[in-house]
């Protein structure tokens, strides 16, 4: 990694819209304020915050969303709470930070399809189907079975399509993702996943999944977690290897960023130790390594060195996600 980014990388980053499709944002996560300021200082235009998880109740989720809406709406001089893709472009033009919400799992719905539109109106713009384990929708990627979508899962995908919420296949079992992408009438995403062909981890996705996502018109957000990227390494070069693989399969227009940056190691380690079924295989003893927001200029330099053009890099940094958001959000 170079000590200082090139002038070309700095110029490109200053003019680009930078979107991170996944920043974990649990109500009890430590170091949240510092993490938020780091993403702002690193030049990110938009970050999607996790405000609901498969193990959090409906009531807890609504309370958490309320607190985060107050955080961002209460500081209009600094933040834009995103409803449309145009809001992200407006935030860039006004020098503000754009915030969006998503769920990692569908249990905050409490098996009630009526809650999809409610959450959408509260700002939730994508929702992944199952977090590692089986739920009412389908199997997670660490489940012992590989069943497909349940009948409820099919109805849920249809309702998400209706209201304009992106169907997210990250953390979800292979067959469930393939059936979800087949039955969706709108582009789907993997908000924070990388290539299984480069690192055979259960959390990573196959070439079939990558092709199916691209066929919907969707985008795959590159995850920055070292244990998923390689053998607990998270360098810009390794992340670029995964970008190269996906771009080589389906084109760079289907690549984005979903760094999944873990800034709350104490509570993450405690969760991992307390839930061996949820984190079944491929999770080494800490310390774990992550691609940090401050590493983005070095990634841009690597992409430039590998021959990516400026329009392609702008797409990867944020424009590809904006294209999909504009097509799906209502």
C-alpha atoms as a PDB file:
ATOM      1  CA  UNK A   1       0.000   0.000   0.000  1.00  0.00           C
ATOM      2  CA  UNK A   2       1.390   3.400  -0.943  1.00  0.00           C
ATOM      3  CA  UNK A   3       1.878   5.908   1.845  1.00  0.00           C
ATOM      4  CA  UNK A   4       0.169   8.648  -0.129  1.00  0.00           C
ATOM      5  CA  UNK A   5      -2.475   8.301  -2.851  1.00  0.00           C
ATOM      6  CA  UNK A   6      -1.619   9.516  -6.320  1.00  0.00           C
ATOM      7  CA  UNK A   7      -2.902  12.838  -7.597  1.00  0.00           C
ATOM      8  CA  UNK A   8      -5.059  10.901 -10.067  1.00  0.00           C
ATOM      9  CA  UNK A   9      -6.707   8.924  -7.251  1.00  0.00           C
ATOM     10  CA  UNK A  10      -7.285  12.032  -5.132  1.00  0.00           C
ATOM     11  CA  UNK A  11      -8.831  13.898  -8.058  1.00  0.00           C
ATOM     12  CA  UNK A  12     -11.084  10.988  -8.956  1.00  0.00           C
ATOM     13  CA  UNK A  13     -12.238  10.520  -5.368  1.00  0.00           C
ATOM     14  CA  UNK A  14     -12.971  14.195  -4.816  1.00  0.00           C
ATOM     15  CA  UNK A  15     -15.378  14.285  -7.740  1.00  0.00           C
ATOM     16  CA  UNK A  16     -16.969  10.861  -7.339  1.00  0.00           C
ATOM     17  CA  UNK A  17     -20.046   9.820  -5.399  1.00  0.00           C
ATOM     18  CA  UNK A  18     -18.842   7.259  -2.854  1.00  0.00           C
ATOM     19  CA  UNK A  19     -21.431   4.753  -1.620  1.00  0.00           C
ATOM     20  CA  UNK A  20     -20.964   2.045   1.011  1.00  0.00           C
ATOM     21  CA  UNK A  21     -23.905  -0.340   0.929  1.00  0.00           C
ATOM     22  CA  UNK A  22     -23.287  -1.802   4.424  1.00  0.00           C
ATOM     23  CA  UNK A  23     -22.148  -0.361   7.737  1.00  0.00           C
ATOM     24  CA  UNK A  24     -23.302  -2.406  10.779  1.00  0.00           C
ATOM     25  CA  UNK A  25     -25.093  -0.044  13.153  1.00  0.00           C
ATOM     26  CA  UNK A  26     -26.533  -2.020  16.045  1.00  0.00           C
ATOM     27  CA  UNK A  27     -28.088   0.006  18.830  1.00  0.00           C
ATOM     28  CA  UNK A  28     -25.477  -1.205  21.325  1.00  0.00           C
ATOM     29  CA  UNK A  29     -22.393  -1.073  19.087  1.00  0.00           C
ATOM     30  CA  UNK A  30     -19.505   0.776  20.678  1.00  0.00           C
ATOM     31  CA  UNK A  31     -17.489   3.475  18.844  1.00  0.00           C
ATOM     32  CA  UNK A  32     -20.404   4.487  16.585  1.00  0.00           C
ATOM     33  CA  UNK A  33     -19.742   8.231  16.704  1.00  0.00           C
ATOM     34  CA  UNK A  34     -16.063   7.771  15.875  1.00  0.00           C
ATOM     35  CA  UNK A  35     -16.917   5.414  13.012  1.00  0.00           C
ATOM     36  CA  UNK A  36     -19.408   7.866  11.531  1.00  0.00           C
ATOM     37  CA  UNK A  37     -16.870  10.684  11.598  1.00  0.00           C
ATOM     38  CA  UNK A  38     -14.258   8.448   9.972  1.00  0.00           C
ATOM     39  CA  UNK A  39     -16.538   7.721   7.016  1.00  0.00           C
ATOM     40  CA  UNK A  40     -17.325  11.408   6.645  1.00  0.00           C
ATOM     41  CA  UNK A  41     -13.642  12.356   6.835  1.00  0.00           C
ATOM     42  CA  UNK A  42     -12.812   9.670   4.257  1.00  0.00           C
ATOM     43  CA  UNK A  43     -15.107  11.385   1.745  1.00  0.00           C
ATOM     44  CA  UNK A  44     -18.018   8.971   1.601  1.00  0.00           C
ATOM     45  CA  UNK A  45     -21.165  10.513   0.156  1.00  0.00           C
ATOM     46  CA  UNK A  46     -23.608   7.812   1.269  1.00  0.00           C
ATOM     47  CA  UNK A  47     -23.592   4.961   3.756  1.00  0.00           C
ATOM     48  CA  UNK A  48     -26.399   2.462   4.368  1.00  0.00           C
ATOM     49  CA  UNK A  49     -26.677   1.644   8.082  1.00  0.00           C
ATOM     50  CA  UNK A  50     -27.874  -1.697   9.471  1.00  0.00           C
ATOM     51  CA  UNK A  51     -30.836  -0.858  11.722  1.00  0.00           C
ATOM     52  CA  UNK A  52     -32.460  -4.304  11.929  1.00  0.00           C
ATOM     53  CA  UNK A  53     -31.152  -7.842  12.398  1.00  0.00           C
ATOM     54  CA  UNK A  54     -32.638 -11.330  12.444  1.00  0.00           C
ATOM     55  CA  UNK A  55     -32.233 -11.569  16.234  1.00  0.00           C
ATOM     56  CA  UNK A  56     -33.767  -8.154  17.083  1.00  0.00           C
ATOM     57  CA  UNK A  57     -37.492  -7.790  17.805  1.00  0.00           C
ATOM     58  CA  UNK A  58     -39.950  -5.621  15.930  1.00  0.00           C
ATOM     59  CA  UNK A  59     -40.285  -3.245  18.878  1.00  0.00           C
ATOM     60  CA  UNK A  60     -36.528  -2.910  19.352  1.00  0.00           C
ATOM     61  CA  UNK A  61     -36.109  -2.305  15.622  1.00  0.00           C
ATOM     62  CA  UNK A  62     -38.698   0.469  15.486  1.00  0.00           C
ATOM     63  CA  UNK A  63     -37.146   2.165  18.509  1.00  0.00           C
ATOM     64  CA  UNK A  64     -33.706   1.965  16.906  1.00  0.00           C
ATOM     65  CA  UNK A  65     -34.972   3.416  13.624  1.00  0.00           C
ATOM     66  CA  UNK A  66     -36.640   6.231  15.558  1.00  0.00           C
ATOM     67  CA  UNK A  67     -33.382   7.107  17.290  1.00  0.00           C
ATOM     68  CA  UNK A  68     -31.411   7.088  14.043  1.00  0.00           C
ATOM     69  CA  UNK A  69     -34.002   9.160  12.180  1.00  0.00           C
ATOM     70  CA  UNK A  70     -33.752  11.725  14.949  1.00  0.00           C
ATOM     71  CA  UNK A  71     -29.942  11.666  14.706  1.00  0.00           C
ATOM     72  CA  UNK A  72     -29.860  12.419  10.986  1.00  0.00           C
ATOM     73  CA  UNK A  73     -32.975  14.581  10.583  1.00  0.00           C
ATOM     74  CA  UNK A  74     -31.968  16.626  13.618  1.00  0.00           C
ATOM     75  CA  UNK A  75     -28.793  17.880  11.886  1.00  0.00           C
ATOM     76  CA  UNK A  76     -29.958  19.049   8.433  1.00  0.00           C
ATOM     77  CA  UNK A  77     -26.831  21.177   8.011  1.00  0.00           C
ATOM     78  CA  UNK A  78     -24.718  17.987   7.989  1.00  0.00           C
ATOM     79  CA  UNK A  79     -26.943  15.087   6.935  1.00  0.00           C
ATOM     80  CA  UNK A  80     -29.499  14.030   4.340  1.00  0.00           C
ATOM     81  CA  UNK A  81     -31.731  11.091   5.257  1.00  0.00           C
ATOM     82  CA  UNK A  82     -32.178   9.355   1.932  1.00  0.00           C
ATOM     83  CA  UNK A  83     -35.519   8.553   0.350  1.00  0.00           C
ATOM     84  CA  UNK A  84     -34.531   8.633  -3.341  1.00  0.00           C
ATOM     85  CA  UNK A  85     -31.366   8.216  -5.383  1.00  0.00           C
ATOM     86  CA  UNK A  86     -31.616  11.932  -6.153  1.00  0.00           C
ATOM     87  CA  UNK A  87     -31.136  12.640  -2.440  1.00  0.00           C
ATOM     88  CA  UNK A  88     -27.660  11.091  -2.635  1.00  0.00           C
ATOM     89  CA  UNK A  89     -26.716  13.322  -5.568  1.00  0.00           C
ATOM     90  CA  UNK A  90     -28.136  16.324  -3.713  1.00  0.00           C
ATOM     91  CA  UNK A  91     -26.044  15.513  -0.657  1.00  0.00           C
ATOM     92  CA  UNK A  92     -22.908  15.423  -2.805  1.00  0.00           C
ATOM     93  CA  UNK A  93     -23.775  18.767  -4.400  1.00  0.00           C
ATOM     94  CA  UNK A  94     -24.452  20.354  -0.991  1.00  0.00           C
ATOM     95  CA  UNK A  95     -21.379  18.909   0.717  1.00  0.00           C
ATOM     96  CA  UNK A  96     -23.470  16.824   3.121  1.00  0.00           C
ATOM     97  CA  UNK A  97     -23.415  13.192   4.198  1.00  0.00           C
ATOM     98  CA  UNK A  98     -26.286  10.967   3.020  1.00  0.00           C
ATOM     99  CA  UNK A  99     -27.585   8.189   5.277  1.00  0.00           C
ATOM    100  CA  UNK A 100     -29.830   5.259   4.434  1.00  0.00           C
ATOM    101  CA  UNK A 101     -31.115   2.225   6.330  1.00  0.00           C
ATOM    102  CA  UNK A 102     -31.260  -1.510   5.711  1.00  0.00           C
ATOM    103  CA  UNK A 103     -31.940  -4.784   7.533  1.00  0.00           C
ATOM    104  CA  UNK A 104     -29.674  -7.811   7.808  1.00  0.00           C
ATOM    105  CA  UNK A 105     -32.478 -10.334   8.048  1.00  0.00           C
ATOM    106  CA  UNK A 106     -36.269 -10.320   7.809  1.00  0.00           C
ATOM    107  CA  UNK A 107     -37.374 -11.260  11.324  1.00  0.00           C
ATOM    108  CA  UNK A 108     -38.053  -7.618  12.295  1.00  0.00           C
ATOM    109  CA  UNK A 109     -41.131  -8.009  10.072  1.00  0.00           C
ATOM    110  CA  UNK A 110     -42.553 -10.429  12.658  1.00  0.00           C
ATOM    111  CA  UNK A 111     -43.874 -12.430   9.671  1.00  0.00           C
ATOM    112  CA  UNK A 112     -46.177  -9.554   8.728  1.00  0.00           C
ATOM    113  CA  UNK A 113     -46.009  -8.418   5.099  1.00  0.00           C
ATOM    114  CA  UNK A 114     -47.771  -5.193   6.082  1.00  0.00           C
ATOM    115  CA  UNK A 115     -44.547  -4.113   7.818  1.00  0.00           C
ATOM    116  CA  UNK A 116     -42.560  -3.980   4.552  1.00  0.00           C
ATOM    117  CA  UNK A 117     -44.148  -0.724   3.454  1.00  0.00           C
ATOM    118  CA  UNK A 118     -44.048   0.653   6.996  1.00  0.00           C
ATOM    119  CA  UNK A 119     -40.306   0.087   7.203  1.00  0.00           C
ATOM    120  CA  UNK A 120     -39.826   1.422   3.682  1.00  0.00           C
ATOM    121  CA  UNK A 121     -41.558   4.666   4.662  1.00  0.00           C
ATOM    122  CA  UNK A 122     -39.253   4.851   7.697  1.00  0.00           C
ATOM    123  CA  UNK A 123     -36.229   4.751   5.371  1.00  0.00           C
ATOM    124  CA  UNK A 124     -35.324   1.064   4.989  1.00  0.00           C
ATOM    125  CA  UNK A 125     -34.213   0.665   1.379  1.00  0.00           C
ATOM    126  CA  UNK A 126     -32.878  -2.892   1.283  1.00  0.00           C
ATOM    127  CA  UNK A 127     -33.345  -6.036   3.320  1.00  0.00           C
ATOM    128  CA  UNK A 128     -31.372  -9.259   3.166  1.00  0.00           C
ATOM    129  CA  UNK A 129     -33.436 -12.398   3.435  1.00  0.00           C
ATOM    130  CA  UNK A 130     -31.711 -14.575   6.078  1.00  0.00           C
ATOM    131  CA  UNK A 131     -28.669 -13.911   8.239  1.00  0.00           C
ATOM    132  CA  UNK A 132     -26.541 -17.102   8.166  1.00  0.00           C
ATOM    133  CA  UNK A 133     -29.253 -19.307   9.721  1.00  0.00           C
ATOM    134  CA  UNK A 134     -32.708 -20.511   8.664  1.00  0.00           C
ATOM    135  CA  UNK A 135     -35.643 -18.175   9.221  1.00  0.00           C
ATOM    136  CA  UNK A 136     -39.239 -17.931   7.940  1.00  0.00           C
ATOM    137  CA  UNK A 137     -38.056 -16.866   4.476  1.00  0.00           C
ATOM    138  CA  UNK A 138     -35.373 -19.439   3.702  1.00  0.00           C
ATOM    139  CA  UNK A 139     -31.962 -20.758   4.666  1.00  0.00           C
ATOM    140  CA  UNK A 140     -28.884 -18.792   5.627  1.00  0.00           C
ATOM    141  CA  UNK A 141     -25.457 -19.458   4.163  1.00  0.00           C
ATOM    142  CA  UNK A 142     -24.280 -21.348   7.293  1.00  0.00           C
ATOM    143  CA  UNK A 143     -27.388 -23.540   7.611  1.00  0.00           C
ATOM    144  CA  UNK A 144     -26.921 -27.314   7.373  1.00  0.00           C
ATOM    145  CA  UNK A 145     -29.650 -27.462   4.695  1.00  0.00           C
ATOM    146  CA  UNK A 146     -30.002 -25.638   1.388  1.00  0.00           C
ATOM    147  CA  UNK A 147     -33.754 -25.299   0.992  1.00  0.00           C
ATOM    148  CA  UNK A 148     -35.200 -22.586  -1.199  1.00  0.00           C
ATOM    149  CA  UNK A 149     -37.662 -19.798  -0.533  1.00  0.00           C
ATOM    150  CA  UNK A 150     -40.669 -20.588   1.603  1.00  0.00           C
ATOM    151  CA  UNK A 151     -44.132 -19.582   0.409  1.00  0.00           C
ATOM    152  CA  UNK A 152     -43.846 -16.634   2.773  1.00  0.00           C
ATOM    153  CA  UNK A 153     -40.477 -15.824   1.220  1.00  0.00           C
ATOM    154  CA  UNK A 154     -41.973 -15.707  -2.280  1.00  0.00           C
ATOM    155  CA  UNK A 155     -44.737 -13.383  -1.070  1.00  0.00           C
ATOM    156  CA  UNK A 156     -42.139 -11.242   0.692  1.00  0.00           C
ATOM    157  CA  UNK A 157     -40.029 -10.785  -2.450  1.00  0.00           C
ATOM    158  CA  UNK A 158     -43.166  -9.782  -4.348  1.00  0.00           C
ATOM    159  CA  UNK A 159     -44.108  -7.256  -1.663  1.00  0.00           C
ATOM    160  CA  UNK A 160     -40.590  -5.798  -1.614  1.00  0.00           C
ATOM    161  CA  UNK A 161     -40.823  -5.401  -5.379  1.00  0.00           C
ATOM    162  CA  UNK A 162     -44.166  -3.646  -4.992  1.00  0.00           C
ATOM    163  CA  UNK A 163     -43.001  -1.057  -2.479  1.00  0.00           C
ATOM    164  CA  UNK A 164     -39.558  -0.513  -4.039  1.00  0.00           C
ATOM    165  CA  UNK A 165     -37.322  -2.160  -1.432  1.00  0.00           C
ATOM    166  CA  UNK A 166     -34.209  -3.853  -2.801  1.00  0.00           C
ATOM    167  CA  UNK A 167     -34.016  -7.623  -2.351  1.00  0.00           C
ATOM    168  CA  UNK A 168     -30.609  -8.375  -0.799  1.00  0.00           C
ATOM    169  CA  UNK A 169     -29.191 -11.913  -1.019  1.00  0.00           C
ATOM    170  CA  UNK A 170     -26.115 -11.527   1.199  1.00  0.00           C
ATOM    171  CA  UNK A 171     -25.737 -13.992   4.130  1.00  0.00           C
ATOM    172  CA  UNK A 172     -28.416 -16.175   2.512  1.00  0.00           C
ATOM    173  CA  UNK A 173     -28.205 -19.796   1.338  1.00  0.00           C
ATOM    174  CA  UNK A 174     -27.461 -20.594  -2.296  1.00  0.00           C
ATOM    175  CA  UNK A 175     -30.833 -22.021  -3.350  1.00  0.00           C
ATOM    176  CA  UNK A 176     -32.773 -19.331  -1.487  1.00  0.00           C
ATOM    177  CA  UNK A 177     -30.812 -16.611  -3.302  1.00  0.00           C
ATOM    178  CA  UNK A 178     -31.232 -18.218  -6.712  1.00  0.00           C
ATOM    179  CA  UNK A 179     -34.990 -18.593  -6.254  1.00  0.00           C
ATOM    180  CA  UNK A 180     -35.301 -15.041  -4.905  1.00  0.00           C
ATOM    181  CA  UNK A 181     -33.508 -13.617  -7.938  1.00  0.00           C
ATOM    182  CA  UNK A 182     -35.620 -15.753 -10.255  1.00  0.00           C
ATOM    183  CA  UNK A 183     -38.920 -14.600  -8.792  1.00  0.00           C
ATOM    184  CA  UNK A 184     -37.980 -10.934  -8.339  1.00  0.00           C
ATOM    185  CA  UNK A 185     -39.310  -8.540 -10.954  1.00  0.00           C
ATOM    186  CA  UNK A 186     -36.696  -5.908  -9.987  1.00  0.00           C
ATOM    187  CA  UNK A 187     -32.903  -5.837  -9.804  1.00  0.00           C
ATOM    188  CA  UNK A 188     -31.460  -7.638  -6.771  1.00  0.00           C
ATOM    189  CA  UNK A 189     -28.246  -7.002  -4.863  1.00  0.00           C
ATOM    190  CA  UNK A 190     -25.632  -8.723  -2.777  1.00  0.00           C
ATOM    191  CA  UNK A 191     -24.909  -5.757  -0.539  1.00  0.00           C
ATOM    192  CA  UNK A 192     -21.679  -7.105   1.005  1.00  0.00           C
ATOM    193  CA  UNK A 193     -20.317 -10.282  -0.574  1.00  0.00           C
ATOM    194  CA  UNK A 194     -17.180 -11.402  -2.399  1.00  0.00           C
ATOM    195  CA  UNK A 195     -16.206 -14.282  -4.658  1.00  0.00           C
ATOM    196  CA  UNK A 196     -16.158 -17.873  -3.446  1.00  0.00           C
ATOM    197  CA  UNK A 197     -13.936 -18.758  -6.407  1.00  0.00           C
ATOM    198  CA  UNK A 198     -11.126 -16.773  -4.759  1.00  0.00           C
ATOM    199  CA  UNK A 199     -11.784 -17.843  -1.149  1.00  0.00           C
ATOM    200  CA  UNK A 200     -13.941 -20.897  -0.456  1.00  0.00           C
ATOM    201  CA  UNK A 201     -15.835 -19.489   2.534  1.00  0.00           C
ATOM    202  CA  UNK A 202     -19.531 -20.192   3.140  1.00  0.00           C
ATOM    203  CA  UNK A 203     -20.207 -16.453   3.347  1.00  0.00           C
ATOM    204  CA  UNK A 204     -18.907 -15.873  -0.159  1.00  0.00           C
ATOM    205  CA  UNK A 205     -20.922 -16.271  -3.350  1.00  0.00           C
ATOM    206  CA  UNK A 206     -20.469 -18.527  -6.349  1.00  0.00           C
ATOM    207  CA  UNK A 207     -20.028 -17.496  -9.949  1.00  0.00           C
ATOM    208  CA  UNK A 208     -23.603 -18.720 -10.586  1.00  0.00           C
ATOM    209  CA  UNK A 209     -24.905 -16.300  -7.952  1.00  0.00           C
ATOM    210  CA  UNK A 210     -22.843 -13.449  -9.382  1.00  0.00           C
ATOM    211  CA  UNK A 211     -24.174 -14.097 -12.889  1.00  0.00           C
ATOM    212  CA  UNK A 212     -27.758 -14.401 -11.660  1.00  0.00           C
ATOM    213  CA  UNK A 213     -27.517 -11.095  -9.787  1.00  0.00           C
ATOM    214  CA  UNK A 214     -26.131  -9.341 -12.860  1.00  0.00           C
ATOM    215  CA  UNK A 215     -28.901 -10.862 -14.989  1.00  0.00           C
ATOM    216  CA  UNK A 216     -31.470  -9.063 -12.801  1.00  0.00           C
ATOM    217  CA  UNK A 217     -29.628  -5.796 -13.466  1.00  0.00           C
ATOM    218  CA  UNK A 218     -28.245  -5.748  -9.926  1.00  0.00           C
ATOM    219  CA  UNK A 219     -24.940  -5.033  -8.233  1.00  0.00           C
ATOM    220  CA  UNK A 220     -22.582  -6.868  -5.858  1.00  0.00           C
ATOM    221  CA  UNK A 221     -21.066  -4.789  -3.060  1.00  0.00           C
ATOM    222  CA  UNK A 222     -17.500  -5.842  -2.293  1.00  0.00           C
ATOM    223  CA  UNK A 223     -17.049  -6.895   1.328  1.00  0.00           C
ATOM    224  CA  UNK A 224     -13.934  -5.743   3.198  1.00  0.00           C
ATOM    225  CA  UNK A 225     -13.757  -8.468   5.873  1.00  0.00           C
ATOM    226  CA  UNK A 226     -10.365 -10.195   5.816  1.00  0.00           C
ATOM    227  CA  UNK A 227     -11.602 -13.708   6.609  1.00  0.00           C
ATOM    228  CA  UNK A 228     -13.915 -13.514   3.582  1.00  0.00           C
ATOM    229  CA  UNK A 229     -11.390 -11.856   1.267  1.00  0.00           C
ATOM    230  CA  UNK A 230      -8.462 -14.166   2.001  1.00  0.00           C
ATOM    231  CA  UNK A 231      -6.750 -15.707   5.025  1.00  0.00           C
ATOM    232  CA  UNK A 232      -7.735 -12.868   7.367  1.00  0.00           C
ATOM    233  CA  UNK A 233      -6.079 -10.252   5.158  1.00  0.00           C
ATOM    234  CA  UNK A 234      -7.847  -7.160   3.822  1.00  0.00           C
ATOM    235  CA  UNK A 235      -5.423  -5.221   1.647  1.00  0.00           C
ATOM    236  CA  UNK A 236      -6.481  -3.023  -1.285  1.00  0.00           C
ATOM    237  CA  UNK A 237      -4.798  -5.505  -3.628  1.00  0.00           C
ATOM    238  CA  UNK A 238      -6.853  -8.427  -2.299  1.00  0.00           C
ATOM    239  CA  UNK A 239     -10.101  -6.448  -2.509  1.00  0.00           C
ATOM    240  CA  UNK A 240      -9.146  -5.503  -6.073  1.00  0.00           C
ATOM    241  CA  UNK A 241      -8.672  -9.208  -6.868  1.00  0.00           C
ATOM    242  CA  UNK A 242     -12.328  -9.807  -5.986  1.00  0.00           C
ATOM    243  CA  UNK A 243     -13.369  -6.768  -8.036  1.00  0.00           C
ATOM    244  CA  UNK A 244     -11.374  -8.191 -10.967  1.00  0.00           C
ATOM    245  CA  UNK A 245     -13.125 -11.541 -10.638  1.00  0.00           C
ATOM    246  CA  UNK A 246     -16.652 -10.142 -10.579  1.00  0.00           C
ATOM    247  CA  UNK A 247     -15.907  -7.592 -13.308  1.00  0.00           C
ATOM    248  CA  UNK A 248     -14.397 -10.341 -15.457  1.00  0.00           C
ATOM    249  CA  UNK A 249     -17.547 -12.450 -15.101  1.00  0.00           C
ATOM    250  CA  UNK A 250     -20.285  -9.852 -15.547  1.00  0.00           C
ATOM    251  CA  UNK A 251     -18.660  -6.466 -16.173  1.00  0.00           C
ATOM    252  CA  UNK A 252     -17.575  -3.683 -13.793  1.00  0.00           C
ATOM    253  CA  UNK A 253     -21.044  -2.106 -14.059  1.00  0.00           C
ATOM    254  CA  UNK A 254     -22.256  -4.779 -11.611  1.00  0.00           C
ATOM    255  CA  UNK A 255     -19.644  -4.047  -8.913  1.00  0.00           C
ATOM    256  CA  UNK A 256     -20.068  -1.750  -5.913  1.00  0.00           C
ATOM    257  CA  UNK A 257     -18.799  -1.393  -2.345  1.00  0.00           C
ATOM    258  CA  UNK A 258     -20.305  -2.909   0.806  1.00  0.00           C
ATOM    259  CA  UNK A 259     -17.336  -2.799   3.158  1.00  0.00           C
ATOM    260  CA  UNK A 260     -19.130  -4.159   6.258  1.00  0.00           C
ATOM    261  CA  UNK A 261     -16.531  -2.421   8.415  1.00  0.00           C
ATOM    262  CA  UNK A 262     -16.409  -3.716  12.000  1.00  0.00           C
ATOM    263  CA  UNK A 263     -15.430  -0.876  14.347  1.00  0.00           C
ATOM    264  CA  UNK A 264     -16.997  -2.543  17.425  1.00  0.00           C
ATOM    265  CA  UNK A 265     -14.685  -5.503  17.988  1.00  0.00           C
ATOM    266  CA  UNK A 266     -15.524  -6.118  21.660  1.00  0.00           C
ATOM    267  CA  UNK A 267     -19.239  -6.696  21.059  1.00  0.00           C
ATOM    268  CA  UNK A 268     -18.607  -8.478  17.733  1.00  0.00           C
ATOM    269  CA  UNK A 269     -16.265 -10.947  19.391  1.00  0.00           C
ATOM    270  CA  UNK A 270     -18.759 -11.515  22.225  1.00  0.00           C
ATOM    271  CA  UNK A 271     -21.550 -12.173  19.699  1.00  0.00           C
ATOM    272  CA  UNK A 272     -19.338 -14.603  17.774  1.00  0.00           C
ATOM    273  CA  UNK A 273     -18.402 -16.566  20.889  1.00  0.00           C
ATOM    274  CA  UNK A 274     -22.020 -16.730  22.112  1.00  0.00           C
ATOM    275  CA  UNK A 275     -23.492 -17.942  18.799  1.00  0.00           C
ATOM    276  CA  UNK A 276     -21.490 -20.846  17.338  1.00  0.00           C
ATOM    277  CA  UNK A 277     -24.340 -21.908  15.031  1.00  0.00           C
ATOM    278  CA  UNK A 278     -24.697 -18.428  13.542  1.00  0.00           C
ATOM    279  CA  UNK A 279     -20.954 -18.254  12.815  1.00  0.00           C
ATOM    280  CA  UNK A 280     -20.476 -21.924  12.057  1.00  0.00           C
ATOM    281  CA  UNK A 281     -17.346 -22.242   9.923  1.00  0.00           C
ATOM    282  CA  UNK A 282     -14.470 -20.111   8.717  1.00  0.00           C
ATOM    283  CA  UNK A 283     -14.185 -17.663  11.622  1.00  0.00           C
ATOM    284  CA  UNK A 284     -10.662 -17.751  13.101  1.00  0.00           C
ATOM    285  CA  UNK A 285      -9.747 -16.559  16.539  1.00  0.00           C
ATOM    286  CA  UNK A 286      -9.451 -12.757  16.704  1.00  0.00           C
ATOM    287  CA  UNK A 287      -7.815 -10.421  15.926  1.00  0.00           C
ATOM    288  CA  UNK A 288      -9.666 -10.005  12.644  1.00  0.00           C
ATOM    289  CA  UNK A 289      -8.682  -7.617   9.903  1.00  0.00           C
ATOM    290  CA  UNK A 290     -10.886  -5.292   7.852  1.00  0.00           C
ATOM    291  CA  UNK A 291     -10.620  -2.909   4.918  1.00  0.00           C
ATOM    292  CA  UNK A 292     -11.053   0.497   6.566  1.00  0.00           C
ATOM    293  CA  UNK A 293     -12.687   3.594   5.053  1.00  0.00           C
ATOM    294  CA  UNK A 294      -9.290   5.296   5.028  1.00  0.00           C
ATOM    295  CA  UNK A 295      -7.985   2.577   2.665  1.00  0.00           C
ATOM    296  CA  UNK A 296     -10.186   3.705  -0.231  1.00  0.00           C
ATOM    297  CA  UNK A 297      -7.585   5.937  -1.962  1.00  0.00           C
ATOM    298  CA  UNK A 298      -5.123   3.031  -2.064  1.00  0.00           C
ATOM    299  CA  UNK A 299      -7.822   0.837  -3.661  1.00  0.00           C
ATOM    300  CA  UNK A 300      -8.413   3.466  -6.350  1.00  0.00           C
ATOM    301  CA  UNK A 301      -4.683   3.542  -7.088  1.00  0.00           C
ATOM    302  CA  UNK A 302      -4.640  -0.252  -7.461  1.00  0.00           C
ATOM    303  CA  UNK A 303      -7.616  -0.121  -9.846  1.00  0.00           C
ATOM    304  CA  UNK A 304      -5.934   2.598 -11.898  1.00  0.00           C
ATOM    305  CA  UNK A 305      -2.745   0.531 -12.060  1.00  0.00           C
ATOM    306  CA  UNK A 306      -4.767  -2.455 -13.268  1.00  0.00           C
ATOM    307  CA  UNK A 307      -6.208  -0.509 -16.175  1.00  0.00           C
ATOM    308  CA  UNK A 308      -9.672   0.449 -14.990  1.00  0.00           C
ATOM    309  CA  UNK A 309     -10.876   3.664 -16.587  1.00  0.00           C
ATOM    310  CA  UNK A 310     -12.282   6.599 -14.654  1.00  0.00           C
ATOM    311  CA  UNK A 311     -15.935   5.881 -15.611  1.00  0.00           C
ATOM    312  CA  UNK A 312     -15.559   2.256 -14.469  1.00  0.00           C
ATOM    313  CA  UNK A 313     -14.039   3.293 -11.144  1.00  0.00           C
ATOM    314  CA  UNK A 314     -16.729   5.910 -10.570  1.00  0.00           C
ATOM    315  CA  UNK A 315     -19.264   3.152 -11.169  1.00  0.00           C
ATOM    316  CA  UNK A 316     -17.643   0.850  -8.628  1.00  0.00           C
ATOM    317  CA  UNK A 317     -17.346   3.631  -6.062  1.00  0.00           C
ATOM    318  CA  UNK A 318     -21.029   4.523  -6.199  1.00  0.00           C
ATOM    319  CA  UNK A 319     -22.650   5.132  -9.566  1.00  0.00           C
ATOM    320  CA  UNK A 320     -23.532   1.464 -10.132  1.00  0.00           C
ATOM    321  CA  UNK A 321     -25.414   1.331  -6.845  1.00  0.00           C
ATOM    322  CA  UNK A 322     -27.164   4.605  -7.674  1.00  0.00           C
ATOM    323  CA  UNK A 323     -28.285   3.161 -11.010  1.00  0.00           C
ATOM    324  CA  UNK A 324     -29.916   0.207  -9.271  1.00  0.00           C
ATOM    325  CA  UNK A 325     -31.423   2.372  -6.521  1.00  0.00           C
ATOM    326  CA  UNK A 326     -32.944   4.699  -9.093  1.00  0.00           C
ATOM    327  CA  UNK A 327     -34.462   1.728 -10.922  1.00  0.00           C
ATOM    328  CA  UNK A 328     -36.016   0.147  -7.804  1.00  0.00           C
ATOM    329  CA  UNK A 329     -36.766   2.769  -5.146  1.00  0.00           C
ATOM    330  CA  UNK A 330     -40.164   4.440  -5.451  1.00  0.00           C
END
